[in-house]
């Protein structure tokens, strides 16, 4: 067994070689940081990591980095018994193979340490989504950067203080490095705890006693983080909310008396049509531009919209909403042009949803958002769906779920027709449409088989809302 004195000599040899290598590590670190900054900036806006205001764009992250100092490296060899990693290289202290020793040093994971500091924990989650996205991983690989697949799949991990952290082992060229993603609060607390327990050895005996208190403070930090997130959202939403409130005040003031007269004195809850009406105004259509509301056209028939009209005439909210929109049209609604006017109404509705879908980052491509929206409304109208217009929150949530289903079943490599069948069936079911009529147009057995496969893929997604898989289960039971 080697004496402590011999081990210390070995550590000195290893550390000296490390010091010779450190300049290469620093140069490599700088290259890695440059590449990561370039790629993260490329995708940051897509993952809500850049906040734009009237003055400038604010990045909700920054990268900090370090290469271990020689002293810290030497201490690591003792503290973690990492000296044993070099047992064969320093077995003969008089004849150390310097090339082998250098290669052995480069096998250590955390000599180069990169940390992406985000403003809040939600930004850390978004940053991990960016880092683990297929496009980012491909672009990073083109730069020579590889991420450990096992680490990507097992994130986040929990630190001893109970706080979550994203920690990924990576390689660049022949060098290894560790990438961490933390919020500023999590990082500050982790650094403080590290300084207390790892730098001040006098407190080591009381660590176990203090750990519960430390974990409690960690939980308080998470609550503070949630509070700061609420403040951010309040600030982000204030301008748009105040604009929406002003719009609705003007809108209700304009039409309250007229609608009250139509309803023979009964009050009307404008909130039920507020969101969609406001969204339509945001795409440039003036919905406060008429003195009269025409309801005579409600008795007109139209073959194209027959099912929609039948449903509309059972819903006061739809009738009032549609009448206000059409009363702002430049031409009068007549029996012979009712189809054109209803086309105009739905074009406005679809246009407002396209904008909302893009603004909410559900689908970032405007052209693709338009295709999805057109198909959604065509399906809902054709198969007699209900409540697929006014409840904007419900419709936008549905688009999020459709996107989730679409992305999860890509691995099945279904053709476009079978993929559309799954999405159509899900839409018709969720909006209480005539699913029986739709099933008659396709092969039900093939659909059920693909729905079962889809459910399996959906269950693999971490954080998936249960409602999606439950709905698919209900569809399978209903059709089976």
Protein backbone atom coordinates (compact mmCIF):
# COMPACT_ATOMS: atom_id res chain seq x y z
CA UNK A 1 0.00 0.00 0.00
CA UNK A 2 1.39 3.35 -0.98
CA UNK A 3 2.14 5.80 1.83
CA UNK A 4 0.45 9.19 2.11
CA UNK A 5 3.80 10.83 1.32
CA UNK A 6 4.04 8.88 -1.94
CA UNK A 7 0.43 9.72 -2.82
CA UNK A 8 1.12 13.41 -2.26
CA UNK A 9 4.12 13.16 -4.60
CA UNK A 10 1.87 11.48 -7.16
CA UNK A 11 -0.74 14.21 -6.78
CA UNK A 12 1.96 16.83 -7.32
CA UNK A 13 3.01 15.11 -10.56
CA UNK A 14 -0.61 14.84 -11.76
CA UNK A 15 -1.37 18.45 -10.81
CA UNK A 16 1.74 19.74 -12.57
CA UNK A 17 0.70 17.94 -15.73
CA UNK A 18 -2.82 19.32 -15.29
CA UNK A 19 -1.38 22.84 -15.02
CA UNK A 20 0.45 22.28 -18.32
CA UNK A 21 -2.85 21.13 -19.88
CA UNK A 22 -4.94 23.94 -18.40
CA UNK A 23 -4.16 26.44 -21.17
CA UNK A 24 -5.57 23.98 -23.74
CA UNK A 25 -8.63 23.52 -21.52
CA UNK A 26 -9.20 27.27 -21.35
CA UNK A 27 -8.91 27.63 -25.12
CA UNK A 28 -11.30 24.71 -25.61
CA UNK A 29 -13.71 26.20 -23.09
CA UNK A 30 -13.75 29.51 -24.98
CA UNK A 31 -14.54 27.72 -28.25
CA UNK A 32 -17.37 25.72 -26.64
CA UNK A 33 -18.88 28.86 -25.08
CA UNK A 34 -18.71 30.72 -28.40
CA UNK A 35 -20.54 27.88 -30.19
CA UNK A 36 -23.17 27.49 -27.48
CA UNK A 37 -23.89 31.22 -27.38
CA UNK A 38 -24.34 31.25 -31.14
CA UNK A 39 -26.74 28.28 -31.13
CA UNK A 40 -28.71 29.32 -28.05
CA UNK A 41 -29.22 32.81 -29.46
CA UNK A 42 -30.45 31.22 -32.68
CA UNK A 43 -33.32 29.42 -30.92
CA UNK A 44 -33.83 31.51 -27.76
CA UNK A 45 -36.86 33.44 -28.97
CA UNK A 46 -38.63 30.23 -30.02
CA UNK A 47 -38.38 29.00 -26.42
CA UNK A 48 -39.52 32.24 -24.71
CA UNK A 49 -36.01 33.06 -23.50
CA UNK A 50 -35.94 36.57 -24.94
CA UNK A 51 -38.29 39.23 -23.63
CA UNK A 52 -39.00 42.17 -25.91
CA UNK A 53 -40.18 45.55 -24.67
CA UNK A 54 -40.54 48.93 -26.33
CA UNK A 55 -36.88 49.75 -25.73
CA UNK A 56 -34.85 46.59 -26.21
CA UNK A 57 -34.70 42.81 -26.13
CA UNK A 58 -33.81 41.22 -22.81
CA UNK A 59 -32.15 37.82 -22.61
CA UNK A 60 -33.43 35.74 -19.70
CA UNK A 61 -30.14 33.83 -19.45
CA UNK A 62 -26.37 34.14 -19.47
CA UNK A 63 -23.50 31.64 -19.60
CA UNK A 64 -20.83 31.49 -16.90
CA UNK A 65 -17.87 29.14 -17.10
CA UNK A 66 -14.62 28.07 -15.51
CA UNK A 67 -11.74 25.68 -15.84
CA UNK A 68 -10.64 24.27 -12.48
CA UNK A 69 -7.63 25.98 -10.96
CA UNK A 70 -4.63 23.81 -10.15
CA UNK A 71 -5.26 24.08 -6.39
CA UNK A 72 -8.92 23.09 -6.78
CA UNK A 73 -7.91 20.19 -9.00
CA UNK A 74 -5.39 18.94 -6.43
CA UNK A 75 -7.95 19.18 -3.65
CA UNK A 76 -10.42 17.20 -5.78
CA UNK A 77 -7.88 14.38 -6.08
CA UNK A 78 -7.87 14.08 -2.29
CA UNK A 79 -11.48 14.95 -1.41
CA UNK A 80 -13.11 12.55 -3.86
CA UNK A 81 -10.25 10.01 -3.91
CA UNK A 82 -9.89 10.83 -7.61
CA UNK A 83 -6.21 10.11 -7.18
CA UNK A 84 -7.15 6.42 -7.62
CA UNK A 85 -8.20 7.23 -11.19
CA UNK A 86 -4.48 7.69 -11.98
CA UNK A 87 -3.19 4.65 -10.12
CA UNK A 88 -1.54 2.98 -13.11
CA UNK A 89 -0.12 6.20 -14.57
CA UNK A 90 1.74 7.12 -11.35
CA UNK A 91 2.56 3.61 -10.12
CA UNK A 92 6.19 4.27 -10.97
CA UNK A 93 6.80 7.85 -9.84
CA UNK A 94 10.23 7.90 -11.48
CA UNK A 95 8.98 6.91 -14.94
CA UNK A 96 5.62 8.56 -15.56
CA UNK A 97 4.36 8.39 -19.14
CA UNK A 98 3.36 12.02 -19.68
CA UNK A 99 1.20 11.30 -22.73
CA UNK A 100 -0.81 8.63 -20.93
CA UNK A 101 -1.15 10.90 -17.90
CA UNK A 102 -2.45 13.75 -20.06
CA UNK A 103 -5.04 11.49 -21.68
CA UNK A 104 -6.10 10.18 -18.28
CA UNK A 105 -6.62 13.72 -16.99
CA UNK A 106 -8.81 14.48 -20.02
CA UNK A 107 -11.13 11.62 -19.02
CA UNK A 108 -12.42 13.60 -16.00
CA UNK A 109 -15.89 15.04 -16.61
CA UNK A 110 -15.91 18.42 -14.88
CA UNK A 111 -12.56 20.09 -15.50
CA UNK A 112 -14.44 22.43 -17.82
CA UNK A 113 -17.67 23.59 -16.21
CA UNK A 114 -20.33 25.62 -18.00
CA UNK A 115 -23.41 26.95 -16.27
CA UNK A 116 -26.37 28.58 -17.99
CA UNK A 117 -27.91 30.94 -15.46
CA UNK A 118 -31.53 31.84 -16.10
CA UNK A 119 -33.70 34.47 -14.45
CA UNK A 120 -36.33 32.04 -13.13
CA UNK A 121 -36.86 28.29 -12.86
CA UNK A 122 -39.40 28.36 -15.73
CA UNK A 123 -36.58 29.78 -17.89
CA UNK A 124 -34.35 26.86 -16.86
CA UNK A 125 -37.07 24.46 -18.02
CA UNK A 126 -37.37 26.34 -21.33
CA UNK A 127 -33.59 26.36 -21.72
CA UNK A 128 -33.46 22.58 -21.22
CA UNK A 129 -36.21 22.20 -23.84
CA UNK A 130 -34.04 24.26 -26.20
CA UNK A 131 -30.86 22.31 -25.43
CA UNK A 132 -32.61 18.95 -25.85
CA UNK A 133 -34.50 19.87 -29.02
CA UNK A 134 -33.65 17.89 -32.14
CA UNK A 135 -32.59 20.96 -34.14
CA UNK A 136 -30.25 22.22 -31.43
CA UNK A 137 -28.65 18.81 -30.88
CA UNK A 138 -28.08 18.47 -34.64
CA UNK A 139 -26.55 21.96 -34.92
CA UNK A 140 -24.36 21.34 -31.87
CA UNK A 141 -23.18 18.03 -33.32
CA UNK A 142 -22.20 19.87 -36.51
CA UNK A 143 -19.97 22.03 -34.29
CA UNK A 144 -18.44 18.95 -32.66
CA UNK A 145 -20.43 19.12 -29.42
CA UNK A 146 -22.13 15.94 -28.18
CA UNK A 147 -24.59 15.63 -25.27
CA UNK A 148 -24.81 12.49 -23.15
CA UNK A 149 -28.09 10.85 -24.23
CA UNK A 150 -28.67 9.15 -20.87
CA UNK A 151 -28.28 12.47 -19.05
CA UNK A 152 -30.70 14.20 -21.44
CA UNK A 153 -33.34 11.56 -20.76
CA UNK A 154 -32.99 11.69 -16.95
CA UNK A 155 -33.32 15.44 -16.35
CA UNK A 156 -33.81 17.22 -14.06
CA UNK A 157 -31.91 15.69 -11.16
CA UNK A 158 -32.37 16.69 -7.53
CA UNK A 159 -29.54 18.19 -5.51
CA UNK A 160 -28.94 17.33 -1.85
CA UNK A 161 -30.70 20.54 -0.85
CA UNK A 162 -33.88 19.34 -2.59
CA UNK A 163 -33.68 21.81 -5.47
CA UNK A 164 -33.83 20.58 -9.08
CA UNK A 165 -30.95 21.06 -11.49
CA UNK A 166 -30.23 20.20 -15.09
CA UNK A 167 -26.79 18.60 -15.28
CA UNK A 168 -25.53 17.12 -18.55
CA UNK A 169 -22.19 15.53 -19.40
CA UNK A 170 -20.89 16.63 -22.79
CA UNK A 171 -17.88 16.25 -25.05
CA UNK A 172 -16.14 18.49 -27.54
CA UNK A 173 -13.33 17.08 -29.66
CA UNK A 174 -11.30 14.99 -27.17
CA UNK A 175 -12.37 17.05 -24.16
CA UNK A 176 -15.20 16.47 -21.71
CA UNK A 177 -17.20 19.17 -19.99
CA UNK A 178 -20.24 19.46 -17.74
CA UNK A 179 -23.18 21.71 -18.59
CA UNK A 180 -25.53 22.86 -15.82
CA UNK A 181 -28.74 24.86 -16.13
CA UNK A 182 -29.91 26.71 -13.01
CA UNK A 183 -31.93 29.75 -12.11
CA UNK A 184 -30.06 32.61 -10.44
CA UNK A 185 -31.73 31.85 -7.11
CA UNK A 186 -30.90 28.15 -7.28
CA UNK A 187 -27.33 28.91 -8.27
CA UNK A 188 -26.78 31.51 -5.55
CA UNK A 189 -28.12 29.16 -2.89
CA UNK A 190 -26.08 26.24 -4.25
CA UNK A 191 -22.89 28.35 -4.21
CA UNK A 192 -23.59 29.49 -0.65
CA UNK A 193 -24.24 25.94 0.54
CA UNK A 194 -21.11 24.73 -1.24
CA UNK A 195 -19.06 27.41 0.48
CA UNK A 196 -20.48 26.49 3.88
CA UNK A 197 -20.13 22.73 3.66
CA UNK A 198 -17.20 22.21 1.31
CA UNK A 199 -14.93 25.17 1.98
CA UNK A 200 -15.41 25.41 5.72
CA UNK A 201 -14.57 21.96 7.10
CA UNK A 202 -15.31 23.03 10.67
CA UNK A 203 -19.07 22.72 10.00
CA UNK A 204 -18.85 19.23 8.50
CA UNK A 205 -19.84 17.45 11.75
CA UNK A 206 -23.12 19.38 11.92
CA UNK A 207 -24.01 18.96 8.29
CA UNK A 208 -26.63 16.30 8.90
CA UNK A 209 -28.24 18.40 11.61
CA UNK A 210 -28.29 21.47 9.40
CA UNK A 211 -29.43 19.77 6.20
CA UNK A 212 -33.14 19.81 7.07
CA UNK A 213 -32.98 23.56 7.68
CA UNK A 214 -31.07 24.02 4.45
CA UNK A 215 -33.71 22.03 2.55
CA UNK A 216 -36.45 24.15 4.11
CA UNK A 217 -34.73 27.29 2.84
CA UNK A 218 -34.52 25.65 -0.58
CA UNK A 219 -38.30 25.22 -0.57
CA UNK A 220 -38.72 28.87 0.38
CA UNK A 221 -36.54 29.81 -2.59
CA UNK A 222 -38.91 27.87 -4.88
CA UNK A 223 -41.83 29.85 -3.46
CA UNK A 224 -39.94 33.09 -4.08
CA UNK A 225 -39.27 31.94 -7.63
CA UNK A 226 -43.00 31.30 -8.16
CA UNK A 227 -43.77 34.76 -6.79
CA UNK A 228 -41.27 36.40 -9.15
CA UNK A 229 -42.80 34.46 -12.05
CA UNK A 230 -46.23 35.84 -11.16
CA UNK A 231 -44.80 39.37 -11.08
CA UNK A 232 -43.23 38.86 -14.49
CA UNK A 233 -46.50 37.62 -15.95
CA UNK A 234 -48.37 40.50 -14.36
CA UNK A 235 -45.93 42.97 -15.94
CA UNK A 236 -46.10 41.20 -19.30
CA UNK A 237 -49.88 41.07 -19.22
CA UNK A 238 -50.54 44.57 -17.88
CA UNK A 239 -50.31 46.39 -21.18
CA UNK A 240 -52.37 43.88 -23.16
CA UNK A 241 -54.86 43.44 -20.33
CA UNK A 242 -55.40 47.18 -19.92
CA UNK A 243 -55.89 47.48 -23.69
CA UNK A 244 -58.38 44.61 -23.65
CA UNK A 245 -60.29 46.12 -20.71
CA UNK A 246 -60.50 49.49 -22.45
CA UNK A 247 -61.74 47.79 -25.62
CA UNK A 248 -64.43 45.82 -23.78
CA UNK A 249 -65.61 48.89 -21.89
CA UNK A 250 -66.06 50.74 -25.18
CA UNK A 251 -67.60 47.67 -26.83
CA UNK A 252 -70.14 47.08 -24.07
CA UNK A 253 -70.97 50.77 -23.84
CA UNK A 254 -71.61 50.81 -27.58
CA UNK A 255 -73.88 47.76 -27.72
CA UNK A 256 -75.39 47.20 -24.25
CA UNK A 257 -78.54 49.19 -24.92
CA UNK A 258 -79.03 47.75 -28.41
CA UNK A 259 -78.58 44.16 -27.23
CA UNK A 260 -80.83 44.82 -24.25
CA UNK A 261 -83.53 46.01 -26.63
CA UNK A 262 -83.17 42.86 -28.78
CA UNK A 263 -83.49 40.69 -25.64
CA UNK A 264 -86.55 42.67 -24.47
CA UNK A 265 -84.84 44.12 -21.44
CA UNK A 266 -82.91 41.06 -20.27
CA UNK A 267 -79.24 41.68 -19.49
CA UNK A 268 -76.51 40.08 -21.56
CA UNK A 269 -73.09 38.90 -20.34
CA UNK A 270 -70.67 40.41 -22.84
CA UNK A 271 -67.77 38.51 -21.23
CA UNK A 272 -68.81 35.39 -23.11
CA UNK A 273 -68.06 37.02 -26.45
CA UNK A 274 -65.34 39.37 -25.22
CA UNK A 275 -62.19 37.36 -25.94
CA UNK A 276 -62.97 36.41 -29.53
CA UNK A 277 -64.37 39.85 -30.35
CA UNK A 278 -61.23 41.52 -28.99
CA UNK A 279 -58.98 39.10 -30.90
CA UNK A 280 -60.84 39.91 -34.11
CA UNK A 281 -60.29 43.61 -33.47
CA UNK A 282 -56.55 42.87 -33.11
CA UNK A 283 -56.33 41.67 -36.72
CA UNK A 284 -57.63 45.03 -37.93
CA UNK A 285 -61.40 44.59 -38.12
CA UNK A 286 -63.44 47.40 -36.60
CA UNK A 287 -66.19 45.83 -34.51
CA UNK A 288 -67.39 49.14 -33.05
CA UNK A 289 -68.47 50.72 -36.29
CA UNK A 290 -72.26 50.57 -36.51
CA UNK A 291 -75.30 52.10 -34.86
CA UNK A 292 -77.65 49.19 -35.54
CA UNK A 293 -77.58 45.44 -35.02
CA UNK A 294 -79.35 43.44 -37.71
CA UNK A 295 -80.87 40.15 -36.49
CA UNK A 296 -83.34 39.58 -39.34
CA UNK A 297 -80.83 37.51 -41.28
CA UNK A 298 -80.81 34.86 -38.50
CA UNK A 299 -83.78 33.20 -40.18
CA UNK A 300 -81.93 32.77 -43.49
CA UNK A 301 -80.84 29.27 -44.48
CA UNK A 302 -77.53 28.27 -46.05
CA UNK A 303 -76.64 24.79 -47.25
CA UNK A 304 -72.91 25.14 -46.60
CA UNK A 305 -73.43 26.21 -42.98
CA UNK A 306 -76.68 24.35 -42.31
CA UNK A 307 -75.41 22.40 -39.29
CA UNK A 308 -73.66 25.42 -37.83
CA UNK A 309 -76.79 27.57 -38.26
CA UNK A 310 -78.94 24.98 -36.50
CA UNK A 311 -76.57 25.04 -33.53
CA UNK A 312 -76.07 28.83 -33.64
CA UNK A 313 -79.83 29.39 -33.34
CA UNK A 314 -79.81 27.54 -30.00
CA UNK A 315 -77.13 29.79 -28.51
CA UNK A 316 -77.83 33.45 -27.63
CA UNK A 317 -74.09 34.19 -27.32
CA UNK A 318 -73.33 33.05 -30.86
CA UNK A 319 -76.34 34.90 -32.26
CA UNK A 320 -75.38 38.19 -30.58
CA UNK A 321 -71.70 37.82 -31.49
CA UNK A 322 -72.39 36.99 -35.12
CA UNK A 323 -75.04 39.72 -35.48
CA UNK A 324 -72.61 42.38 -34.21
CA UNK A 325 -69.84 41.20 -36.54
CA UNK A 326 -72.15 41.14 -39.60
CA UNK A 327 -73.71 44.49 -38.70
CA UNK A 328 -70.25 46.02 -39.15
CA UNK A 329 -70.03 44.67 -42.72
CA UNK A 330 -70.20 47.20 -45.53
CA UNK A 331 -72.97 45.38 -47.39
CA UNK A 332 -76.38 44.27 -46.17
CA UNK A 333 -76.90 40.60 -45.35
CA UNK A 334 -79.53 39.09 -47.67
CA UNK A 335 -80.79 35.58 -48.34
CA UNK A 336 -78.85 35.46 -51.61
CA UNK A 337 -75.50 36.46 -50.07
CA UNK A 338 -75.72 34.81 -46.64
CA UNK A 339 -73.04 32.23 -47.51
CA UNK A 340 -70.56 34.95 -48.47
CA UNK A 341 -71.21 36.82 -45.22
CA UNK A 342 -70.81 33.71 -43.09
CA UNK A 343 -67.59 33.01 -44.98
CA UNK A 344 -66.45 36.49 -43.94
CA UNK A 345 -67.35 35.81 -40.29
CA UNK A 346 -65.37 32.58 -40.24
CA UNK A 347 -62.44 34.15 -42.06
CA UNK A 348 -62.26 36.75 -39.27
CA UNK A 349 -62.53 34.05 -36.60
CA UNK A 350 -59.85 31.94 -38.27
CA UNK A 351 -57.57 34.94 -38.75
CA UNK A 352 -57.83 35.81 -35.06
CA UNK A 353 -56.96 32.24 -34.07
CA UNK A 354 -53.99 32.10 -36.42
CA UNK A 355 -52.60 35.22 -34.72
CA UNK A 356 -53.29 33.84 -31.22
CA UNK A 357 -51.69 30.48 -32.04
CA UNK A 358 -48.53 32.18 -33.29
CA UNK A 359 -48.46 34.77 -30.48
CA UNK A 360 -48.76 32.01 -27.87
CA UNK A 361 -45.98 29.96 -29.51
CA UNK A 362 -48.27 26.98 -30.04
CA UNK A 363 -47.24 26.90 -33.69
CA UNK A 364 -44.57 29.43 -34.58
CA UNK A 365 -44.93 29.27 -38.35
CA UNK A 366 -47.80 31.46 -39.55
CA UNK A 367 -48.38 29.45 -42.73
CA UNK A 368 -48.56 26.16 -40.81
CA UNK A 369 -50.83 27.77 -38.21
CA UNK A 370 -53.16 28.86 -41.01
CA UNK A 371 -53.32 25.32 -42.43
CA UNK A 372 -54.12 23.81 -39.04
CA UNK A 373 -56.75 26.46 -38.27
CA UNK A 374 -58.47 26.08 -41.65
CA UNK A 375 -58.63 22.33 -41.21
CA UNK A 376 -59.92 22.59 -37.63
CA UNK A 377 -62.85 24.84 -38.60
CA UNK A 378 -63.63 22.88 -41.74
CA UNK A 379 -63.88 19.68 -39.64
CA UNK A 380 -65.95 21.34 -36.89
CA UNK A 381 -68.43 22.85 -39.36
CA UNK A 382 -68.76 19.69 -41.43
CA UNK A 383 -69.33 17.37 -38.46
CA UNK A 384 -71.62 19.56 -36.40
CA UNK A 385 -69.23 20.38 -33.55
CA UNK A 386 -70.28 22.61 -30.64
CA UNK A 387 -68.61 25.55 -28.89
CA UNK A 388 -65.63 25.69 -31.25
CA UNK A 389 -65.60 29.46 -31.72
CA UNK A 390 -66.24 31.67 -28.66
CA UNK A 391 -64.26 29.87 -25.95
CA UNK A 392 -60.81 30.97 -27.09
CA UNK A 393 -58.99 29.45 -24.12
CA UNK A 394 -60.54 26.05 -24.77
CA UNK A 395 -59.77 26.20 -28.50
CA UNK A 396 -56.14 27.26 -27.93
CA UNK A 397 -55.67 24.48 -25.38
CA UNK A 398 -57.07 22.10 -27.96
CA UNK A 399 -54.49 23.24 -30.52
CA UNK A 400 -51.76 22.62 -27.95
CA UNK A 401 -53.08 19.09 -27.48
CA UNK A 402 -53.31 18.50 -31.24
CA UNK A 403 -49.70 19.59 -31.59
CA UNK A 404 -48.71 17.28 -28.73
CA UNK A 405 -50.50 14.34 -30.34
CA UNK A 406 -48.99 15.13 -33.73
CA UNK A 407 -45.43 15.31 -32.38
CA UNK A 408 -45.79 12.18 -30.25
CA UNK A 409 -47.02 10.00 -33.12
CA UNK A 410 -44.37 11.11 -35.61
CA UNK A 411 -42.32 8.08 -34.56
CA UNK A 412 -45.11 5.83 -35.86
CA UNK A 413 -44.39 7.11 -39.39
CA UNK A 414 -48.06 7.04 -40.34
CA UNK A 415 -48.99 8.50 -43.70
CA UNK A 416 -50.69 11.91 -43.76
CA UNK A 417 -54.17 10.45 -44.18
CA UNK A 418 -53.94 8.26 -41.07
CA UNK A 419 -52.42 11.07 -39.02
CA UNK A 420 -55.24 13.40 -40.04
CA UNK A 421 -57.79 10.73 -39.11
CA UNK A 422 -56.44 10.64 -35.54
CA UNK A 423 -56.46 14.45 -35.25
CA UNK A 424 -59.93 14.75 -36.80
CA UNK A 425 -61.39 12.10 -34.51
CA UNK A 426 -59.87 13.80 -31.46
CA UNK A 427 -61.29 17.19 -32.51
CA UNK A 428 -64.79 15.90 -33.28
CA UNK A 429 -64.90 14.04 -29.96
CA UNK A 430 -63.66 17.00 -27.90
CA UNK A 431 -66.20 19.38 -29.44
CA UNK A 432 -69.17 17.01 -29.28
CA UNK A 433 -69.49 16.60 -33.03
CA UNK A 434 -71.04 13.78 -35.04
CA UNK A 435 -68.23 11.27 -34.66
CA UNK A 436 -70.43 8.49 -36.07
CA UNK A 437 -70.79 10.34 -39.37
CA UNK A 438 -67.03 10.81 -39.60
CA UNK A 439 -66.24 7.16 -38.82
CA UNK A 440 -68.40 6.11 -41.76
CA UNK A 441 -65.95 7.86 -44.09
CA UNK A 442 -62.86 5.93 -42.91
CA UNK A 443 -61.72 2.44 -41.89
CA UNK A 444 -62.65 2.23 -38.21
CA UNK A 445 -60.46 -0.79 -37.42
CA UNK A 446 -57.33 0.90 -38.74
CA UNK A 447 -58.23 4.06 -36.81
CA UNK A 448 -58.64 2.12 -33.54
CA UNK A 449 -55.32 0.37 -34.08
CA UNK A 450 -53.57 3.70 -34.65
CA UNK A 451 -55.31 5.29 -31.66
CA UNK A 452 -53.95 2.51 -29.43
CA UNK A 453 -50.45 3.10 -30.81
CA UNK A 454 -50.87 6.85 -30.31
CA UNK A 455 -51.87 6.36 -26.69
CA UNK A 456 -48.72 4.31 -26.09
CA UNK A 457 -46.51 7.06 -27.54
CA UNK A 458 -48.35 9.79 -25.63
CA UNK A 459 -47.71 8.03 -22.32
CA UNK A 460 -43.97 8.29 -22.93
CA UNK A 461 -44.11 12.08 -22.78
CA UNK A 462 -43.09 13.52 -19.41
CA UNK A 463 -45.54 16.09 -18.06
CA UNK A 464 -48.33 15.13 -20.44
CA UNK A 465 -51.73 16.27 -19.25
CA UNK A 466 -53.80 13.27 -18.29
CA UNK A 467 -56.85 14.66 -20.09
CA UNK A 468 -55.33 13.88 -23.51
CA UNK A 469 -54.78 10.17 -22.90
CA UNK A 470 -58.11 9.93 -21.06
CA UNK A 471 -59.89 11.43 -24.07
CA UNK A 472 -58.21 8.95 -26.40
CA UNK A 473 -59.20 6.13 -24.06
CA UNK A 474 -62.80 7.39 -24.16
CA UNK A 475 -62.73 7.58 -27.96
CA UNK A 476 -61.45 4.00 -28.20
CA UNK A 477 -64.16 2.78 -25.80
CA UNK A 478 -66.84 4.73 -27.66
CA UNK A 479 -65.84 3.40 -31.07
CA UNK A 480 -64.90 -0.09 -29.97
